[in-house]
Amino acid sequence: MTATSLPTESALRERLRRVIDPEAGLNIVDLGLVYRIDIAPARVRIEMTMTSPACPLGEMITDEVKEVLAGALPAGCATEVALVWEPPWEQSMMTAAGRKHFGWDDNGDA
């Protein structure tokens, strides 16, 4: 496998938009849950968070992340998903599309 056969970070973020947080009804990218995507020849590592450390859907969402990315990665490329809690998630981490989804302006106000 060569590095050129791996998708770009941008392409992986687009795929991750297919993963919906069922409580928010919005994808994990626009929610601001994906903190980092590290692409190496033999593996892709995603660092992400949940809206709360007590989120009961963390395992389901991380499993879905792995499933969505598997279709974009070459055979033999491992996917690692790490849940991190620093920095803590806050509403300001959402994209403009995420804020619009909730009917908020750029300041997070309704």
PDB file of N, CA and C in Angstrom:
ATOM      1  N   MET A   1       0.850  -1.179   0.000  1.00  0.00           N
ATOM      2  CA  MET A   1       0.000   0.000   0.000  1.00  0.00           C
ATOM      3  C   MET A   1       0.887   1.231   0.000  1.00  0.00           C
ATOM      4  N   THR A   2       0.539   2.208  -0.798  1.00  0.00           N
ATOM      5  CA  THR A   2       1.313   3.434  -0.839  1.00  0.00           C
ATOM      6  C   THR A   2       0.487   4.565  -0.257  1.00  0.00           C
ATOM      7  N   ALA A   3       1.189   5.625   0.146  1.00  0.00           N
ATOM      8  CA  ALA A   3       0.496   6.781   0.722  1.00  0.00           C
ATOM      9  C   ALA A   3      -0.477   7.391  -0.286  1.00  0.00           C
ATOM     10  N   THR A   4      -0.167   7.268  -1.579  1.00  0.00           N
ATOM     11  CA  THR A   4      -1.048   7.857  -2.587  1.00  0.00           C
ATOM     12  C   THR A   4      -2.380   7.124  -2.687  1.00  0.00           C
ATOM     13  N   SER A   5      -2.448   5.896  -2.167  1.00  0.00           N
ATOM     14  CA  SER A   5      -3.710   5.156  -2.231  1.00  0.00           C
ATOM     15  C   SER A   5      -4.639   5.509  -1.072  1.00  0.00           C
ATOM     16  N   LEU A   6      -4.154   6.318  -0.153  1.00  0.00           N
ATOM     17  CA  LEU A   6      -4.964   6.708   0.996  1.00  0.00           C
ATOM     18  C   LEU A   6      -5.786   7.952   0.677  1.00  0.00           C
ATOM     19  N   PRO A   7      -6.997   8.030   1.212  1.00  0.00           N
ATOM     20  CA  PRO A   7      -7.806   9.234   0.995  1.00  0.00           C
ATOM     21  C   PRO A   7      -7.224  10.414   1.774  1.00  0.00           C
ATOM     22  N   THR A   8      -7.602  11.591   1.372  1.00  0.00           N
ATOM     23  CA  THR A   8      -7.163  12.805   2.066  1.00  0.00           C
ATOM     24  C   THR A   8      -7.988  13.008   3.335  1.00  0.00           C
ATOM     25  N   GLU A   9      -7.502  13.886   4.194  1.00  0.00           N
ATOM     26  CA  GLU A   9      -8.259  14.222   5.398  1.00  0.00           C
ATOM     27  C   GLU A   9      -9.618  14.792   5.024  1.00  0.00           C
ATOM     28  N   SER A  10      -9.647  15.629   4.023  1.00  0.00           N
ATOM     29  CA  SER A  10     -10.907  16.230   3.574  1.00  0.00           C
ATOM     30  C   SER A  10     -11.899  15.159   3.117  1.00  0.00           C
ATOM     31  N   ALA A  11     -11.416  14.168   2.378  1.00  0.00           N
ATOM     32  CA  ALA A  11     -12.289  13.088   1.904  1.00  0.00           C
ATOM     33  C   ALA A  11     -12.818  12.269   3.076  1.00  0.00           C
ATOM     34  N   LEU A  12     -11.977  12.045   4.078  1.00  0.00           N
ATOM     35  CA  LEU A  12     -12.440  11.295   5.248  1.00  0.00           C
ATOM     36  C   LEU A  12     -13.462  12.097   6.047  1.00  0.00           C
ATOM     37  N   ARG A  13     -13.250  13.396   6.170  1.00  0.00           N
ATOM     38  CA  ARG A  13     -14.249  14.235   6.859  1.00  0.00           C
ATOM     39  C   ARG A  13     -15.595  14.172   6.139  1.00  0.00           C
ATOM     40  N   GLU A  14     -15.565  14.183   4.818  1.00  0.00           N
ATOM     41  CA  GLU A  14     -16.816  14.075   4.056  1.00  0.00           C
ATOM     42  C   GLU A  14     -17.518  12.758   4.369  1.00  0.00           C
ATOM     43  N   ARG A  15     -16.773  11.670   4.423  1.00  0.00           N
ATOM     44  CA  ARG A  15     -17.371  10.371   4.754  1.00  0.00           C
ATOM     45  C   ARG A  15     -17.933  10.388   6.173  1.00  0.00           C
ATOM     46  N   LEU A  16     -17.219  11.042   7.089  1.00  0.00           N
ATOM     47  CA  LEU A  16     -17.672  11.085   8.481  1.00  0.00           C
ATOM     48  C   LEU A  16     -18.971  11.878   8.637  1.00  0.00           C
ATOM     49  N   ARG A  17     -19.309  12.688   7.662  1.00  0.00           N
ATOM     50  CA  ARG A  17     -20.592  13.404   7.697  1.00  0.00           C
ATOM     51  C   ARG A  17     -21.771  12.435   7.598  1.00  0.00           C
ATOM     52  N   ARG A  18     -21.518  11.197   7.239  1.00  0.00           N
ATOM     53  CA  ARG A  18     -22.571  10.176   7.185  1.00  0.00           C
ATOM     54  C   ARG A  18     -22.921   9.655   8.577  1.00  0.00           C
ATOM     55  N   VAL A  19     -22.064   9.924   9.553  1.00  0.00           N
ATOM     56  CA  VAL A  19     -22.293   9.452  10.922  1.00  0.00           C
ATOM     57  C   VAL A  19     -23.101  10.518  11.660  1.00  0.00           C
ATOM     58  N   ILE A  20     -24.319  10.150  12.019  1.00  0.00           N
ATOM     59  CA  ILE A  20     -25.244  11.083  12.655  1.00  0.00           C
ATOM     60  C   ILE A  20     -25.312  10.802  14.156  1.00  0.00           C
ATOM     61  N   ASP A  21     -25.185  11.845  14.963  1.00  0.00           N
ATOM     62  CA  ASP A  21     -25.428  11.714  16.400  1.00  0.00           C
ATOM     63  C   ASP A  21     -26.943  11.684  16.552  1.00  0.00           C
ATOM     64  N   PRO A  22     -27.508  10.539  16.951  1.00  0.00           N
ATOM     65  CA  PRO A  22     -28.975  10.431  16.971  1.00  0.00           C
ATOM     66  C   PRO A  22     -29.648  11.373  17.958  1.00  0.00           C
ATOM     67  N   GLU A  23     -28.968  11.737  19.014  1.00  0.00           N
ATOM     68  CA  GLU A  23     -29.580  12.664  19.974  1.00  0.00           C
ATOM     69  C   GLU A  23     -29.667  14.075  19.408  1.00  0.00           C
ATOM     70  N   ALA A  24     -28.661  14.473  18.621  1.00  0.00           N
ATOM     71  CA  ALA A  24     -28.651  15.821  18.053  1.00  0.00           C
ATOM     72  C   ALA A  24     -29.286  15.867  16.669  1.00  0.00           C
ATOM     73  N   GLY A  25     -29.336  14.722  15.983  1.00  0.00           N
ATOM     74  CA  GLY A  25     -29.877  14.708  14.626  1.00  0.00           C
ATOM     75  C   GLY A  25     -28.973  15.406  13.632  1.00  0.00           C
ATOM     76  N   LEU A  26     -27.671  15.417  13.921  1.00  0.00           N
ATOM     77  CA  LEU A  26     -26.695  16.121  13.090  1.00  0.00           C
ATOM     78  C   LEU A  26     -25.440  15.274  12.988  1.00  0.00           C
ATOM     79  N   ASN A  27     -24.712  15.417  11.901  1.00  0.00           N
ATOM     80  CA  ASN A  27     -23.498  14.615  11.725  1.00  0.00           C
ATOM     81  C   ASN A  27     -22.388  15.066  12.676  1.00  0.00           C
ATOM     82  N   ILE A  28     -21.467  14.140  12.955  1.00  0.00           N
ATOM     83  CA  ILE A  28     -20.423  14.385  13.959  1.00  0.00           C
ATOM     84  C   ILE A  28     -19.406  15.436  13.527  1.00  0.00           C
ATOM     85  N   VAL A  29     -19.246  15.658  12.224  1.00  0.00           N
ATOM     86  CA  VAL A  29     -18.314  16.686  11.752  1.00  0.00           C
ATOM     87  C   VAL A  29     -18.891  18.070  12.034  1.00  0.00           C
ATOM     88  N   ASP A  30     -20.136  18.303  11.614  1.00  0.00           N
ATOM     89  CA  ASP A  30     -20.742  19.619  11.831  1.00  0.00           C
ATOM     90  C   ASP A  30     -21.020  19.890  13.303  1.00  0.00           C
ATOM     91  N   LEU A  31     -21.172  18.833  14.095  1.00  0.00           N
ATOM     92  CA  LEU A  31     -21.310  19.014  15.546  1.00  0.00           C
ATOM     93  C   LEU A  31     -19.989  19.445  16.178  1.00  0.00           C
ATOM     94  N   GLY A  32     -18.886  19.220  15.478  1.00  0.00           N
ATOM     95  CA  GLY A  32     -17.576  19.572  16.023  1.00  0.00           C
ATOM     96  C   GLY A  32     -16.986  18.490  16.905  1.00  0.00           C
ATOM     97  N   LEU A  33     -17.430  17.252  16.720  1.00  0.00           N
ATOM     98  CA  LEU A  33     -16.950  16.153  17.559  1.00  0.00           C
ATOM     99  C   LEU A  33     -15.634  15.554  17.068  1.00  0.00           C
ATOM    100  N   VAL A  34     -15.293  15.765  15.797  1.00  0.00           N
ATOM    101  CA  VAL A  34     -14.056  15.207  15.246  1.00  0.00           C
ATOM    102  C   VAL A  34     -12.944  16.230  15.455  1.00  0.00           C
ATOM    103  N   TYR A  35     -11.984  15.881  16.293  1.00  0.00           N
ATOM    104  CA  TYR A  35     -10.895  16.796  16.630  1.00  0.00           C
ATOM    105  C   TYR A  35      -9.693  16.642  15.703  1.00  0.00           C
ATOM    106  N   ARG A  36      -9.367  15.406  15.336  1.00  0.00           N
ATOM    107  CA  ARG A  36      -8.137  15.190  14.566  1.00  0.00           C
ATOM    108  C   ARG A  36      -8.275  13.926  13.721  1.00  0.00           C
ATOM    109  N   ILE A  37      -7.694  13.990  12.524  1.00  0.00           N
ATOM    110  CA  ILE A  37      -7.591  12.829  11.649  1.00  0.00           C
ATOM    111  C   ILE A  37      -6.125  12.684  11.279  1.00  0.00           C
ATOM    112  N   ASP A  38      -5.538  11.572  11.679  1.00  0.00           N
ATOM    113  CA  ASP A  38      -4.130  11.308  11.404  1.00  0.00           C
ATOM    114  C   ASP A  38      -4.051  10.135  10.436  1.00  0.00           C
ATOM    115  N   ILE A  39      -3.493  10.383   9.258  1.00  0.00           N
ATOM    116  CA  ILE A  39      -3.428   9.366   8.212  1.00  0.00           C
ATOM    117  C   ILE A  39      -1.984   8.894   8.075  1.00  0.00           C
ATOM    118  N   ALA A  40      -1.783   7.603   8.252  1.00  0.00           N
ATOM    119  CA  ALA A  40      -0.474   6.973   8.077  1.00  0.00           C
ATOM    120  C   ALA A  40      -0.648   5.809   7.103  1.00  0.00           C
ATOM    121  N   PRO A  41       0.447   5.282   6.543  1.00  0.00           N
ATOM    122  CA  PRO A  41       0.318   4.225   5.536  1.00  0.00           C
ATOM    123  C   PRO A  41      -0.470   2.986   5.983  1.00  0.00           C
ATOM    124  N   ALA A  42      -0.359   2.602   7.245  1.00  0.00           N
ATOM    125  CA  ALA A  42      -1.018   1.362   7.679  1.00  0.00           C
ATOM    126  C   ALA A  42      -2.235   1.590   8.559  1.00  0.00           C
ATOM    127  N   ARG A  43      -2.524   2.866   8.884  1.00  0.00           N
ATOM    128  CA  ARG A  43      -3.668   3.103   9.759  1.00  0.00           C
ATOM    129  C   ARG A  43      -4.149   4.549   9.669  1.00  0.00           C
ATOM    130  N   VAL A  44      -5.410   4.709  10.022  1.00  0.00           N
ATOM    131  CA  VAL A  44      -6.013   6.036  10.163  1.00  0.00           C
ATOM    132  C   VAL A  44      -6.490   6.132  11.604  1.00  0.00           C
ATOM    133  N   ARG A  45      -6.105   7.218  12.258  1.00  0.00           N
ATOM    134  CA  ARG A  45      -6.514   7.434  13.650  1.00  0.00           C
ATOM    135  C   ARG A  45      -7.408   8.669  13.707  1.00  0.00           C
ATOM    136  N   ILE A  46      -8.560   8.483  14.313  1.00  0.00           N
ATOM    137  CA  ILE A  46      -9.518   9.561  14.504  1.00  0.00           C
ATOM    138  C   ILE A  46      -9.557   9.882  15.995  1.00  0.00           C
ATOM    139  N   GLU A  47      -9.347  11.142  16.327  1.00  0.00           N
ATOM    140  CA  GLU A  47      -9.552  11.594  17.701  1.00  0.00           C
ATOM    141  C   GLU A  47     -10.840  12.399  17.693  1.00  0.00           C
ATOM    142  N   MET A  48     -11.749  11.972  18.541  1.00  0.00           N
ATOM    143  CA  MET A  48     -13.045  12.633  18.591  1.00  0.00           C
ATOM    144  C   MET A  48     -13.577  12.615  20.012  1.00  0.00           C
ATOM    145  N   THR A  49     -14.645  13.311  20.206  1.00  0.00           N
ATOM    146  CA  THR A  49     -15.266  13.380  21.519  1.00  0.00           C
ATOM    147  C   THR A  49     -16.760  13.188  21.377  1.00  0.00           C
ATOM    148  N   MET A  50     -17.430  13.229  22.474  1.00  0.00           N
ATOM    149  CA  MET A  50     -18.888  13.237  22.511  1.00  0.00           C
ATOM    150  C   MET A  50     -19.305  14.578  23.125  1.00  0.00           C
ATOM    151  N   THR A  51     -20.568  14.903  23.015  1.00  0.00           N
ATOM    152  CA  THR A  51     -21.022  16.163  23.600  1.00  0.00           C
ATOM    153  C   THR A  51     -20.922  16.142  25.120  1.00  0.00           C
ATOM    154  N   SER A  52     -20.852  14.933  25.687  1.00  0.00           N
ATOM    155  CA  SER A  52     -20.720  14.767  27.135  1.00  0.00           C
ATOM    156  C   SER A  52     -20.008  13.446  27.405  1.00  0.00           C
ATOM    157  N   PRO A  53     -19.124  13.401  28.421  1.00  0.00           N
ATOM    158  CA  PRO A  53     -18.495  12.118  28.764  1.00  0.00           C
ATOM    159  C   PRO A  53     -19.516  11.050  29.164  1.00  0.00           C
ATOM    160  N   ALA A  54     -20.701  11.466  29.566  1.00  0.00           N
ATOM    161  CA  ALA A  54     -21.745  10.517  29.979  1.00  0.00           C
ATOM    162  C   ALA A  54     -22.603  10.054  28.805  1.00  0.00           C
ATOM    163  N   CYS A  55     -22.249  10.431  27.589  1.00  0.00           N
ATOM    164  CA  CYS A  55     -23.055  10.069  26.411  1.00  0.00           C
ATOM    165  C   CYS A  55     -23.164   8.550  26.296  1.00  0.00           C
ATOM    166  N   PRO A  56     -24.380   8.022  26.304  1.00  0.00           N
ATOM    167  CA  PRO A  56     -24.553   6.567  26.218  1.00  0.00           C
ATOM    168  C   PRO A  56     -24.344   6.004  24.816  1.00  0.00           C
ATOM    169  N   LEU A  57     -24.169   6.876  23.827  1.00  0.00           N
ATOM    170  CA  LEU A  57     -24.071   6.435  22.438  1.00  0.00           C
ATOM    171  C   LEU A  57     -22.639   6.386  21.919  1.00  0.00           C
ATOM    172  N   GLY A  58     -21.661   6.634  22.785  1.00  0.00           N
ATOM    173  CA  GLY A  58     -20.266   6.689  22.356  1.00  0.00           C
ATOM    174  C   GLY A  58     -19.803   5.466  21.601  1.00  0.00           C
ATOM    175  N   GLU A  59     -20.085   4.284  22.122  1.00  0.00           N
ATOM    176  CA  GLU A  59     -19.631   3.056  21.472  1.00  0.00           C
ATOM    177  C   GLU A  59     -20.324   2.859  20.133  1.00  0.00           C
ATOM    178  N   MET A  60     -21.606   3.141  20.064  1.00  0.00           N
ATOM    179  CA  MET A  60     -22.340   2.999  18.812  1.00  0.00           C
ATOM    180  C   MET A  60     -21.781   3.952  17.753  1.00  0.00           C
ATOM    181  N   ILE A  61     -21.511   5.194  18.140  1.00  0.00           N
ATOM    182  CA  ILE A  61     -21.001   6.183  17.196  1.00  0.00           C
ATOM    183  C   ILE A  61     -19.592   5.815  16.735  1.00  0.00           C
ATOM    184  N   THR A  62     -18.724   5.385  17.647  1.00  0.00           N
ATOM    185  CA  THR A  62     -17.364   5.009  17.237  1.00  0.00           C
ATOM    186  C   THR A  62     -17.387   3.783  16.319  1.00  0.00           C
ATOM    187  N   ASP A  63     -18.285   2.841  16.566  1.00  0.00           N
ATOM    188  CA  ASP A  63     -18.420   1.689  15.670  1.00  0.00           C
ATOM    189  C   ASP A  63     -18.866   2.138  14.277  1.00  0.00           C
ATOM    190  N   GLU A  64     -19.768   3.087  14.227  1.00  0.00           N
ATOM    191  CA  GLU A  64     -20.240   3.595  12.943  1.00  0.00           C
ATOM    192  C   GLU A  64     -19.131   4.347  12.205  1.00  0.00           C
ATOM    193  N   VAL A  65     -18.295   5.083  12.952  1.00  0.00           N
ATOM    194  CA  VAL A  65     -17.150   5.762  12.343  1.00  0.00           C
ATOM    195  C   VAL A  65     -16.254   4.735  11.653  1.00  0.00           C
ATOM    196  N   LYS A  66     -15.935   3.661  12.352  1.00  0.00           N
ATOM    197  CA  LYS A  66     -15.078   2.613  11.774  1.00  0.00           C
ATOM    198  C   LYS A  66     -15.717   2.015  10.523  1.00  0.00           C
ATOM    199  N   GLU A  67     -17.005   1.780  10.574  1.00  0.00           N
ATOM    200  CA  GLU A  67     -17.715   1.190   9.439  1.00  0.00           C
ATOM    201  C   GLU A  67     -17.707   2.114   8.229  1.00  0.00           C
ATOM    202  N   VAL A  68     -17.976   3.393   8.449  1.00  0.00           N
ATOM    203  CA  VAL A  68     -18.011   4.373   7.357  1.00  0.00           C
ATOM    204  C   VAL A  68     -16.626   4.529   6.727  1.00  0.00           C
ATOM    205  N   LEU A  69     -15.583   4.558   7.546  1.00  0.00           N
ATOM    206  CA  LEU A  69     -14.242   4.748   7.012  1.00  0.00           C
ATOM    207  C   LEU A  69     -13.711   3.502   6.318  1.00  0.00           C
ATOM    208  N   ALA A  70     -14.146   2.335   6.747  1.00  0.00           N
ATOM    209  CA  ALA A  70     -13.664   1.088   6.144  1.00  0.00           C
ATOM    210  C   ALA A  70     -13.883   1.080   4.637  1.00  0.00           C
ATOM    211  N   GLY A  71     -14.969   1.662   4.188  1.00  0.00           N
ATOM    212  CA  GLY A  71     -15.263   1.691   2.762  1.00  0.00           C
ATOM    213  C   GLY A  71     -14.374   2.628   1.962  1.00  0.00           C
ATOM    214  N   ALA A  72     -13.608   3.473   2.653  1.00  0.00           N
ATOM    215  CA  ALA A  72     -12.757   4.436   1.955  1.00  0.00           C
ATOM    216  C   ALA A  72     -11.283   4.083   2.029  1.00  0.00           C
ATOM    217  N   LEU A  73     -10.938   3.088   2.841  1.00  0.00           N
ATOM    218  CA  LEU A  73      -9.535   2.782   3.079  1.00  0.00           C
ATOM    219  C   LEU A  73      -9.104   1.529   2.326  1.00  0.00           C
ATOM    220  N   PRO A  74      -7.840   1.488   1.925  1.00  0.00           N
ATOM    221  CA  PRO A  74      -7.322   0.289   1.254  1.00  0.00           C
ATOM    222  C   PRO A  74      -7.341  -0.916   2.191  1.00  0.00           C
ATOM    223  N   ALA A  75      -7.383  -2.089   1.616  1.00  0.00           N
ATOM    224  CA  ALA A  75      -7.342  -3.318   2.411  1.00  0.00           C
ATOM    225  C   ALA A  75      -6.093  -3.312   3.287  1.00  0.00           C
ATOM    226  N   GLY A  76      -6.260  -3.734   4.524  1.00  0.00           N
ATOM    227  CA  GLY A  76      -5.134  -3.810   5.447  1.00  0.00           C
ATOM    228  C   GLY A  76      -4.867  -2.535   6.219  1.00  0.00           C
ATOM    229  N   CYS A  77      -5.554  -1.473   5.896  1.00  0.00           N
ATOM    230  CA  CYS A  77      -5.381  -0.208   6.617  1.00  0.00           C
ATOM    231  C   CYS A  77      -6.309  -0.227   7.823  1.00  0.00           C
ATOM    232  N   ALA A  78      -5.738  -0.139   9.011  1.00  0.00           N
ATOM    233  CA  ALA A  78      -6.519  -0.199  10.247  1.00  0.00           C
ATOM    234  C   ALA A  78      -7.139   1.164  10.556  1.00  0.00           C
ATOM    235  N   THR A  79      -8.271   1.130  11.226  1.00  0.00           N
ATOM    236  CA  THR A  79      -8.928   2.344  11.692  1.00  0.00           C
ATOM    237  C   THR A  79      -8.935   2.327  13.210  1.00  0.00           C
ATOM    238  N   GLU A  80      -8.411   3.381  13.786  1.00  0.00           N
ATOM    239  CA  GLU A  80      -8.383   3.526  15.241  1.00  0.00           C
ATOM    240  C   GLU A  80      -9.192   4.768  15.607  1.00  0.00           C
ATOM    241  N   VAL A  81     -10.139   4.597  16.518  1.00  0.00           N
ATOM    242  CA  VAL A  81     -10.951   5.721  16.973  1.00  0.00           C
ATOM    243  C   VAL A  81     -10.683   5.909  18.459  1.00  0.00           C
ATOM    244  N   ALA A  82     -10.183   7.085  18.806  1.00  0.00           N
ATOM    245  CA  ALA A  82      -9.883   7.395  20.203  1.00  0.00           C
ATOM    246  C   ALA A  82     -10.843   8.462  20.694  1.00  0.00           C
ATOM    247  N   LEU A  83     -11.590   8.142  21.750  1.00  0.00           N
ATOM    248  CA  LEU A  83     -12.433   9.151  22.385  1.00  0.00           C
ATOM    249  C   LEU A  83     -11.558   9.949  23.345  1.00  0.00           C
ATOM    250  N   VAL A  84     -11.564  11.255  23.176  1.00  0.00           N
ATOM    251  CA  VAL A  84     -10.778  12.142  24.027  1.00  0.00           C
ATOM    252  C   VAL A  84     -11.721  13.151  24.680  1.00  0.00           C
ATOM    253  N   TRP A  85     -11.314  13.680  25.800  1.00  0.00           N
ATOM    254  CA  TRP A  85     -12.186  14.593  26.543  1.00  0.00           C
ATOM    255  C   TRP A  85     -11.564  15.972  26.728  1.00  0.00           C
ATOM    256  N   GLU A  86     -10.383  16.168  26.181  1.00  0.00           N
ATOM    257  CA  GLU A  86      -9.721  17.471  26.220  1.00  0.00           C
ATOM    258  C   GLU A  86      -9.440  17.906  24.798  1.00  0.00           C
ATOM    259  N   PRO A  87      -9.854  19.061  24.401  1.00  0.00           N
ATOM    260  CA  PRO A  87     -10.665  19.979  25.192  1.00  0.00           C
ATOM    261  C   PRO A  87     -12.107  19.473  25.267  1.00  0.00           C
ATOM    262  N   PRO A  88     -12.805  19.844  26.325  1.00  0.00           N
ATOM    263  CA  PRO A  88     -14.214  19.449  26.414  1.00  0.00           C
ATOM    264  C   PRO A  88     -15.004  20.072  25.253  1.00  0.00           C
ATOM    265  N   TRP A  89     -15.958  19.308  24.732  1.00  0.00           N
ATOM    266  CA  TRP A  89     -16.778  19.827  23.643  1.00  0.00           C
ATOM    267  C   TRP A  89     -17.648  20.967  24.146  1.00  0.00           C
ATOM    268  N   GLU A  90     -17.821  21.953  23.291  1.00  0.00           N
ATOM    269  CA  GLU A  90     -18.769  23.040  23.564  1.00  0.00           C
ATOM    270  C   GLU A  90     -19.393  23.473  22.245  1.00  0.00           C
ATOM    271  N   GLN A  91     -20.504  24.153  22.321  1.00  0.00           N
ATOM    272  CA  GLN A  91     -21.277  24.513  21.130  1.00  0.00           C
ATOM    273  C   GLN A  91     -20.486  25.328  20.118  1.00  0.00           C
ATOM    274  N   SER A  92     -19.513  26.092  20.575  1.00  0.00           N
ATOM    275  CA  SER A  92     -18.732  26.923  19.652  1.00  0.00           C
ATOM    276  C   SER A  92     -17.887  26.086  18.687  1.00  0.00           C
ATOM    277  N   MET A  93     -17.763  24.783  18.942  1.00  0.00           N
ATOM    278  CA  MET A  93     -16.979  23.906  18.065  1.00  0.00           C
ATOM    279  C   MET A  93     -17.754  23.469  16.831  1.00  0.00           C
ATOM    280  N   MET A  94     -19.042  23.747  16.801  1.00  0.00           N
ATOM    281  CA  MET A  94     -19.860  23.377  15.650  1.00  0.00           C
ATOM    282  C   MET A  94     -19.513  24.247  14.450  1.00  0.00           C
ATOM    283  N   THR A  95     -19.710  23.693  13.280  1.00  0.00           N
ATOM    284  CA  THR A  95     -19.544  24.460  12.048  1.00  0.00           C
ATOM    285  C   THR A  95     -20.734  25.412  11.890  1.00  0.00           C
ATOM    286  N   ALA A  96     -20.628  26.305  10.918  1.00  0.00           N
ATOM    287  CA  ALA A  96     -21.751  27.200  10.617  1.00  0.00           C
ATOM    288  C   ALA A  96     -22.986  26.385  10.230  1.00  0.00           C
ATOM    289  N   ALA A  97     -22.780  25.288   9.499  1.00  0.00           N
ATOM    290  CA  ALA A  97     -23.905  24.424   9.108  1.00  0.00           C
ATOM    291  C   ALA A  97     -24.550  23.800  10.340  1.00  0.00           C
ATOM    292  N   GLY A  98     -23.736  23.439  11.322  1.00  0.00           N
ATOM    293  CA  GLY A  98     -24.270  22.875  12.564  1.00  0.00           C
ATOM    294  C   GLY A  98     -25.103  23.887  13.330  1.00  0.00           C
ATOM    295  N   ARG A  99     -24.590  25.095  13.421  1.00  0.00           N
ATOM    296  CA  ARG A  99     -25.345  26.147  14.115  1.00  0.00           C
ATOM    297  C   ARG A  99     -26.655  26.449  13.383  1.00  0.00           C
ATOM    298  N   LYS A 100     -26.595  26.465  12.060  1.00  0.00           N
ATOM    299  CA  LYS A 100     -27.801  26.721  11.269  1.00  0.00           C
ATOM    300  C   LYS A 100     -28.832  25.619  11.494  1.00  0.00           C
ATOM    301  N   HIS A 101     -28.365  24.361  11.602  1.00  0.00           N
ATOM    302  CA  HIS A 101     -29.256  23.227  11.853  1.00  0.00           C
ATOM    303  C   HIS A 101     -30.118  23.461  13.094  1.00  0.00           C
ATOM    304  N   PHE A 102     -29.512  24.065  14.112  1.00  0.00           N
ATOM    305  CA  PHE A 102     -30.229  24.323  15.365  1.00  0.00           C
ATOM    306  C   PHE A 102     -30.904  25.691  15.392  1.00  0.00           C
ATOM    307  N   GLY A 103     -30.787  26.431  14.297  1.00  0.00           N
ATOM    308  CA  GLY A 103     -31.425  27.738  14.226  1.00  0.00           C
ATOM    309  C   GLY A 103     -30.691  28.808  15.014  1.00  0.00           C
ATOM    310  N   TRP A 104     -29.370  28.626  15.214  1.00  0.00           N
ATOM    311  CA  TRP A 104     -28.577  29.600  15.949  1.00  0.00           C
ATOM    312  C   TRP A 104     -27.801  30.475  14.993  1.00  0.00           C
ATOM    313  N   ASP A 105     -27.556  31.699  15.427  1.00  0.00           N
ATOM    314  CA  ASP A 105     -26.679  32.562  14.643  1.00  0.00           C
ATOM    315  C   ASP A 105     -25.241  32.225  14.998  1.00  0.00           C
ATOM    316  N   ASP A 106     -24.295  32.965  14.485  1.00  0.00           N
ATOM    317  CA  ASP A 106     -22.871  32.671  14.713  1.00  0.00           C
ATOM    318  C   ASP A 106     -22.453  32.820  16.171  1.00  0.00           C
ATOM    319  N   ASN A 107     -23.286  33.423  16.998  1.00  0.00           N
ATOM    320  CA  ASN A 107     -22.949  33.570  18.421  1.00  0.00           C
ATOM    321  C   ASN A 107     -23.560  32.449  19.266  1.00  0.00           C
ATOM    322  N   GLY A 108     -24.277  31.514  18.637  1.00  0.00           N
ATOM    323  CA  GLY A 108     -24.913  30.438  19.377  1.00  0.00           C
ATOM    324  C   GLY A 108     -26.257  30.818  19.941  1.00  0.00           C
ATOM    325  N   ASP A 109     -26.767  31.995  19.548  1.00  0.00           N
ATOM    326  CA  ASP A 109     -28.063  32.450  20.050  1.00  0.00           C
ATOM    327  C   ASP A 109     -29.176  32.002  19.112  1.00  0.00           C
ATOM    328  N   ALA A 110     -30.330  31.737  19.710  1.00  0.00           N
ATOM    329  CA  ALA A 110     -31.488  31.344  18.908  1.00  0.00           C
ATOM    330  C   ALA A 110     -32.145  32.555  18.298  1.00  0.00           C
TER     331      ALA A 110
END
